[in-house]
Amino acid sequence: MVIIKICIFGFIVVSVKIMFILFFQEEDIKLYKMKETINFVDYLRIYSCTMKMSLNDILEKYNFKYTNVKRVFKHLLLELQNEEKSIDNLYEYEDYIKKELNSPKEFNEIITQISEYYGVSLSDVLNKKLLYTKNELEKFLKGYENTYKERKSLLNKLSLLVGCLIAIVLL
């Protein structure tokens, strides 16, 4: 009888722990998408400024891991081709990024800046602006990732305690 209770106790603790892991899985994917976005911005900087490739060619050449990130930058291409640039278009693009990547507003605002100066600046200026954008994205992501890791660590410890408490109450 004691062995059965120990097995049930272990099963409950492991089940609660797995539920918390699944809870964080979506947030982990969001972080990976944000990192891929930063990698693409650097790739964009190198290939558009040094190699003088068009955005369309760069999009075809880059090997995206997430189709959502590819769609965000294809939408950027459409934004750049749009003759009527306005504040509303920037907000719409920012909302589109939020929908696709589920990323924070500050991150989306930094990406939206690319549409403001890409294609109208000289290579040297564009290179500096894209490098600045990449650095801003990395700085934001580092802070966001540190906060996320702290929250994840705390909730992982909490999941163990909650699992034990549930198991004790049920047994």
N, C-alpha and C. Protein backbone atom coordinates (compact mmCIF):
# COMPACT_ATOMS: atom_id res chain seq x y z
N MET A 1 0.82 -1.19 0.00
CA MET A 1 0.00 0.00 0.00
C MET A 1 0.87 1.26 0.00
N VAL A 2 1.95 1.25 0.74
CA VAL A 2 2.84 2.40 0.83
C VAL A 2 3.50 2.65 -0.53
N ILE A 3 3.85 1.57 -1.23
CA ILE A 3 4.49 1.71 -2.55
C ILE A 3 3.53 2.36 -3.53
N ILE A 4 2.25 2.02 -3.47
CA ILE A 4 1.25 2.61 -4.36
C ILE A 4 1.11 4.10 -4.07
N LYS A 5 1.10 4.45 -2.78
CA LYS A 5 0.99 5.87 -2.42
C LYS A 5 2.21 6.65 -2.88
N ILE A 6 3.38 6.04 -2.76
CA ILE A 6 4.61 6.70 -3.22
C ILE A 6 4.57 6.90 -4.73
N CYS A 7 4.09 5.89 -5.46
CA CYS A 7 3.98 6.00 -6.92
C CYS A 7 2.98 7.08 -7.32
N ILE A 8 1.84 7.12 -6.64
CA ILE A 8 0.83 8.15 -6.93
C ILE A 8 1.39 9.53 -6.59
N PHE A 9 2.09 9.64 -5.48
CA PHE A 9 2.72 10.91 -5.09
C PHE A 9 3.68 11.38 -6.18
N GLY A 10 4.55 10.48 -6.62
CA GLY A 10 5.51 10.81 -7.68
C GLY A 10 4.81 11.19 -8.98
N PHE A 11 3.76 10.46 -9.33
CA PHE A 11 3.03 10.74 -10.56
C PHE A 11 2.39 12.12 -10.53
N ILE A 12 1.82 12.50 -9.40
CA ILE A 12 1.19 13.81 -9.27
C ILE A 12 2.24 14.91 -9.37
N VAL A 13 3.37 14.75 -8.70
CA VAL A 13 4.43 15.77 -8.73
C VAL A 13 4.94 15.93 -10.16
N VAL A 14 5.20 14.81 -10.84
CA VAL A 14 5.70 14.86 -12.22
C VAL A 14 4.66 15.47 -13.15
N SER A 15 3.39 15.15 -12.95
CA SER A 15 2.32 15.71 -13.80
C SER A 15 2.23 17.23 -13.67
N VAL A 16 2.29 17.73 -12.46
CA VAL A 16 2.25 19.18 -12.25
C VAL A 16 3.48 19.83 -12.87
N LYS A 17 4.64 19.20 -12.71
CA LYS A 17 5.88 19.74 -13.30
C LYS A 17 5.77 19.79 -14.82
N ILE A 18 5.23 18.77 -15.44
CA ILE A 18 5.05 18.74 -16.90
C ILE A 18 4.08 19.83 -17.35
N MET A 19 3.03 20.08 -16.58
CA MET A 19 2.08 21.14 -16.93
C MET A 19 2.78 22.49 -16.94
N PHE A 20 3.66 22.73 -15.98
CA PHE A 20 4.40 23.99 -15.94
C PHE A 20 5.39 24.09 -17.10
N ILE A 21 6.01 22.98 -17.47
CA ILE A 21 6.93 22.97 -18.61
C ILE A 21 6.18 23.31 -19.89
N LEU A 22 5.00 22.74 -20.07
CA LEU A 22 4.19 23.04 -21.25
C LEU A 22 3.74 24.49 -21.25
N PHE A 23 3.51 25.03 -20.08
CA PHE A 23 3.13 26.43 -19.96
C PHE A 23 4.23 27.34 -20.49
N PHE A 24 5.49 27.00 -20.22
CA PHE A 24 6.63 27.81 -20.65
C PHE A 24 7.05 27.54 -22.09
N GLN A 25 6.57 26.48 -22.68
CA GLN A 25 6.99 26.13 -24.03
C GLN A 25 6.65 27.24 -25.03
N GLU A 26 5.48 27.83 -24.92
CA GLU A 26 5.08 28.90 -25.83
C GLU A 26 5.97 30.13 -25.67
N GLU A 27 6.33 30.45 -24.44
CA GLU A 27 7.22 31.59 -24.18
C GLU A 27 8.61 31.32 -24.74
N ASP A 28 9.08 30.09 -24.64
CA ASP A 28 10.38 29.73 -25.19
C ASP A 28 10.39 29.90 -26.71
N ILE A 29 9.33 29.49 -27.35
CA ILE A 29 9.23 29.63 -28.81
C ILE A 29 9.22 31.11 -29.19
N LYS A 30 8.54 31.93 -28.40
CA LYS A 30 8.52 33.37 -28.66
C LYS A 30 9.94 33.94 -28.59
N LEU A 31 10.72 33.51 -27.62
CA LEU A 31 12.10 33.96 -27.50
C LEU A 31 12.93 33.52 -28.71
N TYR A 32 12.73 32.30 -29.16
CA TYR A 32 13.46 31.81 -30.33
C TYR A 32 13.12 32.62 -31.57
N LYS A 33 11.85 32.98 -31.72
CA LYS A 33 11.44 33.80 -32.86
C LYS A 33 12.07 35.19 -32.80
N MET A 34 12.14 35.74 -31.61
CA MET A 34 12.75 37.05 -31.45
C MET A 34 14.25 36.98 -31.77
N LYS A 35 14.91 35.91 -31.37
CA LYS A 35 16.33 35.74 -31.69
C LYS A 35 16.54 35.58 -33.19
N GLU A 36 15.65 34.83 -33.84
CA GLU A 36 15.77 34.68 -35.29
C GLU A 36 15.54 36.02 -35.99
N THR A 37 14.66 36.83 -35.47
CA THR A 37 14.43 38.16 -36.03
C THR A 37 15.71 38.99 -35.96
N ILE A 38 16.38 38.94 -34.83
CA ILE A 38 17.64 39.67 -34.67
C ILE A 38 18.69 39.14 -35.64
N ASN A 39 18.76 37.83 -35.78
CA ASN A 39 19.72 37.24 -36.72
C ASN A 39 19.43 37.69 -38.15
N PHE A 40 18.15 37.76 -38.50
CA PHE A 40 17.81 38.19 -39.85
C PHE A 40 18.15 39.66 -40.07
N VAL A 41 17.95 40.49 -39.06
CA VAL A 41 18.30 41.91 -39.20
C VAL A 41 19.80 42.05 -39.47
N ASP A 42 20.61 41.28 -38.79
CA ASP A 42 22.05 41.32 -39.05
C ASP A 42 22.36 40.80 -40.46
N TYR A 43 21.70 39.72 -40.85
CA TYR A 43 21.86 39.17 -42.20
C TYR A 43 21.43 40.20 -43.24
N LEU A 44 20.34 40.88 -42.97
CA LEU A 44 19.84 41.92 -43.86
C LEU A 44 20.86 43.05 -44.00
N ARG A 45 21.45 43.42 -42.88
CA ARG A 45 22.46 44.48 -42.89
C ARG A 45 23.65 44.08 -43.76
N ILE A 46 24.13 42.89 -43.58
CA ILE A 46 25.31 42.43 -44.33
C ILE A 46 25.00 42.33 -45.82
N TYR A 47 23.90 41.67 -46.15
CA TYR A 47 23.63 41.42 -47.56
C TYR A 47 23.09 42.63 -48.30
N SER A 48 22.40 43.52 -47.63
CA SER A 48 21.88 44.68 -48.36
C SER A 48 22.93 45.77 -48.48
N CYS A 49 23.80 45.90 -47.48
CA CYS A 49 24.80 46.98 -47.52
C CYS A 49 26.10 46.55 -48.21
N THR A 50 26.58 45.38 -47.90
CA THR A 50 27.85 44.92 -48.46
C THR A 50 27.65 44.30 -49.84
N MET A 51 26.68 43.43 -49.95
CA MET A 51 26.46 42.71 -51.21
C MET A 51 25.49 43.43 -52.14
N LYS A 52 24.84 44.47 -51.64
CA LYS A 52 23.90 45.28 -52.44
C LYS A 52 22.75 44.45 -53.02
N MET A 53 22.27 43.48 -52.24
CA MET A 53 21.15 42.65 -52.69
C MET A 53 19.83 43.33 -52.32
N SER A 54 18.80 43.03 -53.08
CA SER A 54 17.48 43.56 -52.76
C SER A 54 16.86 42.75 -51.63
N LEU A 55 15.89 43.34 -50.97
CA LEU A 55 15.22 42.67 -49.86
C LEU A 55 14.56 41.38 -50.32
N ASN A 56 13.98 41.40 -51.50
CA ASN A 56 13.33 40.21 -52.03
C ASN A 56 14.33 39.07 -52.20
N ASP A 57 15.51 39.36 -52.74
CA ASP A 57 16.54 38.34 -52.91
C ASP A 57 17.05 37.83 -51.56
N ILE A 58 17.16 38.74 -50.62
CA ILE A 58 17.63 38.34 -49.29
C ILE A 58 16.61 37.42 -48.62
N LEU A 59 15.34 37.74 -48.77
CA LEU A 59 14.29 36.89 -48.19
C LEU A 59 14.31 35.50 -48.79
N GLU A 60 14.59 35.41 -50.08
CA GLU A 60 14.64 34.10 -50.73
C GLU A 60 15.88 33.30 -50.31
N LYS A 61 16.96 34.00 -50.05
CA LYS A 61 18.22 33.35 -49.73
C LYS A 61 18.29 32.87 -48.27
N TYR A 62 17.70 33.63 -47.36
CA TYR A 62 17.81 33.32 -45.92
C TYR A 62 16.99 32.07 -45.59
N ASN A 63 17.55 31.22 -44.76
CA ASN A 63 16.87 29.99 -44.35
C ASN A 63 16.17 30.23 -43.01
N PHE A 64 14.90 30.57 -43.06
CA PHE A 64 14.12 30.85 -41.86
C PHE A 64 13.75 29.56 -41.15
N LYS A 65 13.84 29.57 -39.83
CA LYS A 65 13.40 28.42 -39.02
C LYS A 65 11.91 28.51 -38.74
N TYR A 66 11.41 29.73 -38.65
CA TYR A 66 10.00 29.96 -38.34
C TYR A 66 9.35 30.73 -39.49
N THR A 67 8.26 30.20 -39.99
CA THR A 67 7.57 30.85 -41.10
C THR A 67 6.96 32.19 -40.66
N ASN A 68 6.67 32.33 -39.37
CA ASN A 68 6.11 33.59 -38.87
C ASN A 68 7.10 34.74 -39.07
N VAL A 69 8.38 34.47 -38.82
CA VAL A 69 9.40 35.51 -38.99
C VAL A 69 9.52 35.86 -40.47
N LYS A 70 9.45 34.86 -41.31
CA LYS A 70 9.52 35.12 -42.76
C LYS A 70 8.34 35.98 -43.21
N ARG A 71 7.15 35.67 -42.68
CA ARG A 71 5.97 36.46 -43.05
C ARG A 71 6.10 37.91 -42.60
N VAL A 72 6.70 38.12 -41.43
CA VAL A 72 6.90 39.49 -40.93
C VAL A 72 7.76 40.28 -41.89
N PHE A 73 8.81 39.68 -42.40
CA PHE A 73 9.70 40.42 -43.28
C PHE A 73 9.18 40.48 -44.72
N LYS A 74 8.36 39.53 -45.11
CA LYS A 74 7.69 39.66 -46.41
C LYS A 74 6.69 40.82 -46.35
N HIS A 75 6.06 40.95 -45.20
CA HIS A 75 5.15 42.09 -45.00
C HIS A 75 5.93 43.40 -45.01
N LEU A 76 7.16 43.37 -44.49
CA LEU A 76 8.02 44.55 -44.56
C LEU A 76 8.28 44.93 -46.01
N LEU A 77 8.51 43.94 -46.84
CA LEU A 77 8.72 44.19 -48.27
C LEU A 77 7.49 44.87 -48.87
N LEU A 78 6.31 44.42 -48.51
CA LEU A 78 5.08 45.06 -49.00
C LEU A 78 4.96 46.49 -48.48
N GLU A 79 5.35 46.69 -47.23
CA GLU A 79 5.31 48.04 -46.66
C GLU A 79 6.26 48.97 -47.41
N LEU A 80 7.41 48.47 -47.78
CA LEU A 80 8.39 49.29 -48.50
C LEU A 80 7.93 49.61 -49.91
N GLN A 81 7.18 48.69 -50.51
CA GLN A 81 6.68 48.91 -51.87
C GLN A 81 5.47 49.83 -51.87
N ASN A 82 4.84 49.98 -50.72
CA ASN A 82 3.67 50.85 -50.61
C ASN A 82 4.12 52.31 -50.74
N GLU A 83 3.53 53.00 -51.67
CA GLU A 83 3.89 54.40 -51.93
C GLU A 83 3.41 55.33 -50.82
N GLU A 84 2.30 54.99 -50.21
CA GLU A 84 1.69 55.85 -49.20
C GLU A 84 2.11 55.41 -47.80
N LYS A 85 3.26 55.88 -47.35
CA LYS A 85 3.71 55.55 -46.00
C LYS A 85 3.06 56.53 -45.04
N SER A 86 2.47 55.98 -44.01
CA SER A 86 1.83 56.83 -43.01
C SER A 86 2.00 56.21 -41.63
N ILE A 87 1.61 56.96 -40.64
CA ILE A 87 1.69 56.49 -39.26
C ILE A 87 0.77 55.29 -39.07
N ASP A 88 -0.39 55.32 -39.73
CA ASP A 88 -1.33 54.20 -39.60
C ASP A 88 -0.71 52.91 -40.13
N ASN A 89 0.03 53.01 -41.23
CA ASN A 89 0.69 51.82 -41.77
C ASN A 89 1.71 51.26 -40.78
N LEU A 90 2.42 52.14 -40.09
CA LEU A 90 3.39 51.68 -39.10
C LEU A 90 2.69 50.97 -37.95
N TYR A 91 1.57 51.51 -37.49
CA TYR A 91 0.82 50.87 -36.42
C TYR A 91 0.25 49.53 -36.89
N GLU A 92 -0.21 49.48 -38.13
CA GLU A 92 -0.72 48.23 -38.67
C GLU A 92 0.39 47.19 -38.77
N TYR A 93 1.56 47.63 -39.20
CA TYR A 93 2.70 46.72 -39.29
C TYR A 93 3.12 46.24 -37.91
N GLU A 94 3.09 47.13 -36.95
CA GLU A 94 3.42 46.76 -35.57
C GLU A 94 2.42 45.74 -35.03
N ASP A 95 1.14 45.94 -35.32
CA ASP A 95 0.12 44.98 -34.91
C ASP A 95 0.31 43.63 -35.61
N TYR A 96 0.71 43.70 -36.87
CA TYR A 96 0.97 42.47 -37.62
C TYR A 96 2.13 41.69 -36.99
N ILE A 97 3.17 42.40 -36.59
CA ILE A 97 4.30 41.73 -35.93
C ILE A 97 3.84 41.10 -34.62
N LYS A 98 3.02 41.82 -33.86
CA LYS A 98 2.50 41.31 -32.59
C LYS A 98 1.70 40.03 -32.82
N LYS A 99 0.90 40.03 -33.87
CA LYS A 99 0.08 38.86 -34.17
C LYS A 99 0.94 37.66 -34.59
N GLU A 100 1.95 37.91 -35.40
CA GLU A 100 2.78 36.83 -35.93
C GLU A 100 3.78 36.29 -34.90
N LEU A 101 4.47 37.19 -34.20
CA LEU A 101 5.54 36.77 -33.31
C LEU A 101 5.14 36.72 -31.84
N ASN A 102 4.02 37.36 -31.52
CA ASN A 102 3.57 37.46 -30.14
C ASN A 102 4.64 38.11 -29.26
N SER A 103 5.36 39.05 -29.84
CA SER A 103 6.47 39.71 -29.15
C SER A 103 5.98 40.99 -28.46
N PRO A 104 6.75 41.47 -27.49
CA PRO A 104 6.36 42.69 -26.77
C PRO A 104 6.35 43.92 -27.67
N LYS A 105 5.59 44.91 -27.25
CA LYS A 105 5.40 46.14 -28.03
C LYS A 105 6.72 46.86 -28.31
N GLU A 106 7.60 46.93 -27.32
CA GLU A 106 8.88 47.63 -27.50
C GLU A 106 9.71 46.96 -28.59
N PHE A 107 9.72 45.65 -28.62
CA PHE A 107 10.45 44.90 -29.64
C PHE A 107 9.87 45.19 -31.02
N ASN A 108 8.56 45.20 -31.10
CA ASN A 108 7.88 45.47 -32.37
C ASN A 108 8.16 46.89 -32.87
N GLU A 109 8.21 47.84 -31.95
CA GLU A 109 8.49 49.23 -32.35
C GLU A 109 9.89 49.35 -32.96
N ILE A 110 10.85 48.62 -32.41
CA ILE A 110 12.21 48.67 -32.95
C ILE A 110 12.24 48.08 -34.36
N ILE A 111 11.54 46.98 -34.57
CA ILE A 111 11.49 46.36 -35.91
C ILE A 111 10.80 47.28 -36.90
N THR A 112 9.77 47.96 -36.45
CA THR A 112 9.03 48.86 -37.32
C THR A 112 9.90 50.00 -37.84
N GLN A 113 10.91 50.38 -37.08
CA GLN A 113 11.82 51.44 -37.51
C GLN A 113 12.54 51.07 -38.80
N ILE A 114 12.74 49.78 -39.05
CA ILE A 114 13.42 49.35 -40.28
C ILE A 114 12.66 49.83 -41.50
N SER A 115 11.34 49.78 -41.45
CA SER A 115 10.55 50.21 -42.61
C SER A 115 10.67 51.70 -42.86
N GLU A 116 11.04 52.47 -41.84
CA GLU A 116 11.16 53.91 -42.00
C GLU A 116 12.41 54.31 -42.78
N TYR A 117 13.48 53.57 -42.65
CA TYR A 117 14.71 54.01 -43.30
C TYR A 117 15.30 53.02 -44.30
N TYR A 118 14.76 51.82 -44.40
CA TYR A 118 15.31 50.85 -45.34
C TYR A 118 14.94 51.26 -46.77
N GLY A 119 15.89 51.23 -47.66
CA GLY A 119 15.62 51.53 -49.05
C GLY A 119 15.75 53.00 -49.42
N VAL A 120 15.80 53.89 -48.43
CA VAL A 120 15.93 55.31 -48.75
C VAL A 120 17.28 55.87 -48.32
N SER A 121 18.05 55.09 -47.59
CA SER A 121 19.34 55.55 -47.09
C SER A 121 20.47 55.01 -47.95
N LEU A 122 21.58 55.69 -47.90
CA LEU A 122 22.79 55.21 -48.56
C LEU A 122 23.33 54.00 -47.80
N SER A 123 24.16 53.21 -48.45
CA SER A 123 24.65 51.99 -47.85
C SER A 123 25.33 52.19 -46.50
N ASP A 124 26.17 53.20 -46.40
CA ASP A 124 26.88 53.43 -45.14
C ASP A 124 25.91 53.82 -44.03
N VAL A 125 24.99 54.67 -44.36
CA VAL A 125 24.00 55.12 -43.37
C VAL A 125 23.07 53.96 -43.00
N LEU A 126 22.62 53.22 -44.01
CA LEU A 126 21.75 52.07 -43.76
C LEU A 126 22.47 51.03 -42.91
N ASN A 127 23.73 50.80 -43.19
CA ASN A 127 24.52 49.85 -42.42
C ASN A 127 24.55 50.25 -40.95
N LYS A 128 24.80 51.52 -40.68
CA LYS A 128 24.85 52.01 -39.31
C LYS A 128 23.48 51.92 -38.63
N LYS A 129 22.44 52.26 -39.38
CA LYS A 129 21.09 52.21 -38.80
C LYS A 129 20.66 50.78 -38.51
N LEU A 130 20.95 49.86 -39.43
CA LEU A 130 20.60 48.46 -39.19
C LEU A 130 21.43 47.87 -38.05
N LEU A 131 22.68 48.25 -37.95
CA LEU A 131 23.51 47.80 -36.85
C LEU A 131 22.98 48.34 -35.53
N TYR A 132 22.57 49.61 -35.53
CA TYR A 132 21.97 50.20 -34.33
C TYR A 132 20.68 49.47 -33.96
N THR A 133 19.85 49.18 -34.96
CA THR A 133 18.60 48.45 -34.71
C THR A 133 18.88 47.08 -34.13
N LYS A 134 19.84 46.39 -34.70
CA LYS A 134 20.21 45.06 -34.19
C LYS A 134 20.67 45.15 -32.75
N ASN A 135 21.50 46.13 -32.44
CA ASN A 135 21.99 46.29 -31.08
C ASN A 135 20.86 46.63 -30.11
N GLU A 136 19.92 47.47 -30.55
CA GLU A 136 18.77 47.80 -29.71
C GLU A 136 17.90 46.56 -29.46
N LEU A 137 17.70 45.75 -30.50
CA LEU A 137 16.92 44.52 -30.35
C LEU A 137 17.63 43.56 -29.39
N GLU A 138 18.93 43.43 -29.51
CA GLU A 138 19.68 42.54 -28.62
C GLU A 138 19.63 43.02 -27.18
N LYS A 139 19.74 44.33 -26.98
CA LYS A 139 19.68 44.90 -25.63
C LYS A 139 18.30 44.63 -25.02
N PHE A 140 17.26 44.86 -25.80
CA PHE A 140 15.91 44.60 -25.30
C PHE A 140 15.73 43.12 -24.98
N LEU A 141 16.19 42.26 -25.90
CA LEU A 141 16.01 40.82 -25.71
C LEU A 141 16.77 40.33 -24.49
N LYS A 142 17.95 40.86 -24.24
CA LYS A 142 18.74 40.45 -23.08
C LYS A 142 17.98 40.75 -21.79
N GLY A 143 17.43 41.95 -21.69
CA GLY A 143 16.64 42.30 -20.51
C GLY A 143 15.39 41.46 -20.38
N TYR A 144 14.71 41.26 -21.50
CA TYR A 144 13.49 40.45 -21.50
C TYR A 144 13.80 39.01 -21.12
N GLU A 145 14.89 38.49 -21.66
CA GLU A 145 15.27 37.10 -21.39
C GLU A 145 15.67 36.91 -19.92
N ASN A 146 16.36 37.88 -19.33
CA ASN A 146 16.73 37.79 -17.92
C ASN A 146 15.49 37.77 -17.03
N THR A 147 14.54 38.64 -17.33
CA THR A 147 13.29 38.66 -16.57
C THR A 147 12.54 37.35 -16.72
N TYR A 148 12.51 36.83 -17.94
CA TYR A 148 11.82 35.57 -18.21
C TYR A 148 12.49 34.42 -17.47
N LYS A 149 13.82 34.38 -17.47
CA LYS A 149 14.53 33.29 -16.77
C LYS A 149 14.26 33.32 -15.27
N GLU A 150 14.23 34.52 -14.69
CA GLU A 150 13.93 34.64 -13.27
C GLU A 150 12.51 34.14 -12.98
N ARG A 151 11.57 34.56 -13.79
CA ARG A 151 10.17 34.14 -13.60
C ARG A 151 10.04 32.64 -13.80
N LYS A 152 10.71 32.10 -14.80
CA LYS A 152 10.65 30.67 -15.09
C LYS A 152 11.26 29.87 -13.94
N SER A 153 12.38 30.33 -13.41
CA SER A 153 13.04 29.65 -12.30
C SER A 153 12.14 29.63 -11.06
N LEU A 154 11.54 30.77 -10.78
CA LEU A 154 10.64 30.86 -9.63
C LEU A 154 9.44 29.93 -9.80
N LEU A 155 8.84 29.95 -10.99
CA LEU A 155 7.65 29.11 -11.20
C LEU A 155 8.01 27.63 -11.28
N ASN A 156 9.21 27.29 -11.71
CA ASN A 156 9.64 25.88 -11.68
C ASN A 156 9.74 25.38 -10.25
N LYS A 157 10.29 26.21 -9.36
CA LYS A 157 10.37 25.84 -7.95
C LYS A 157 8.97 25.75 -7.35
N LEU A 158 8.14 26.71 -7.74
CA LEU A 158 6.77 26.72 -7.25
C LEU A 158 6.00 25.49 -7.74
N SER A 159 6.27 25.04 -8.97
CA SER A 159 5.56 23.87 -9.50
C SER A 159 5.88 22.62 -8.70
N LEU A 160 7.12 22.50 -8.25
CA LEU A 160 7.49 21.37 -7.42
C LEU A 160 6.74 21.41 -6.09
N LEU A 161 6.67 22.58 -5.48
CA LEU A 161 5.95 22.73 -4.22
C LEU A 161 4.45 22.48 -4.39
N VAL A 162 3.88 23.01 -5.47
CA VAL A 162 2.45 22.81 -5.73
C VAL A 162 2.17 21.34 -5.98
N GLY A 163 3.04 20.67 -6.72
CA GLY A 163 2.86 19.23 -6.97
C GLY A 163 2.90 18.43 -5.69
N CYS A 164 3.85 18.75 -4.83
CA CYS A 164 3.93 18.05 -3.54
C CYS A 164 2.70 18.32 -2.68
N LEU A 165 2.26 19.57 -2.65
CA LEU A 165 1.09 19.93 -1.86
C LEU A 165 -0.16 19.21 -2.35
N ILE A 166 -0.35 19.18 -3.66
CA ILE A 166 -1.52 18.50 -4.23
C ILE A 166 -1.46 17.01 -3.91
N ALA A 167 -0.27 16.43 -4.04
CA ALA A 167 -0.12 15.00 -3.75
C ALA A 167 -0.39 14.70 -2.27
N ILE A 168 0.09 15.56 -1.38
CA ILE A 168 -0.14 15.35 0.04
C ILE A 168 -1.62 15.46 0.36
N VAL A 169 -2.29 16.46 -0.22
CA VAL A 169 -3.72 16.64 0.05
C VAL A 169 -4.54 15.46 -0.48
N LEU A 170 -4.20 14.98 -1.68
CA LEU A 170 -4.96 13.89 -2.26
C LEU A 170 -4.67 12.54 -1.59
N LEU A 171 -3.50 12.38 -1.02
CA LEU A 171 -3.18 11.12 -0.36
C LEU A 171 -3.50 11.24 1.11
